[in-house]
Amino acid sequence: MNILSGKKTEGEINGQLQFLSEGVPPEKLLPGVIAYIYNYSPLLGMLTIKETLYFAAKNRLHNSISDHEVDSRIVTLISELELHRFTNSYVDSLTLLQKKLVILGIELISGPKFLFGDNPLEGLDECNAYEYMSILRKVIFSFFLFQKKKTFKKPFKVIRAKYSQIN
């Protein structure tokens, strides 16, 4: 997963990645194409949620994206993650669920095409795990896939119908 998400920065990587039986060149695996939600990622506690997402956006998005577009993405993402009441709260003051949602937001800010998770529910009780999954489901349908709506218009309806049946 570290290789796929572009997070492996040390050592040598050998082999070939194949997707639908075709080789994928390494340049197609730039950060932002594949997001990987770690079980837990360290966050800077002295930053607010908005500052954390802004920092992530500035580091993950191409520099041709305007500040207005960056701000728009952050506001939309904060709303979709149901963190709007805590926008200016410091990360250190957040609950574990809220921190995990911020970590999700960091990964989604660049609009990746693929999303993987390394047990993102670990440490959450049953109620918080259910809330996380409910928010994740909403985000996938309204934020994550919305950016690719034209490409996935018909399959989107099928995916949504199938995913909505999962309890």
Foldseek 3Di string as FASTA:
>chain_A
DCQQQVNDDDDDDDDFDDDPNHTDDSVCSPHLAEFEQELDDDDDQQAFLLRRQLVLCVVREDPVDDPVNLSVLSVVLCVLLVNVVRRRPGLVPDDLLVNLSSSVSSRPSSLYNYYHYDPNCPPPPPVSSVVSVVSVLSCCLPPNCVVVCVVCVVVSVVVNVVVVVPD
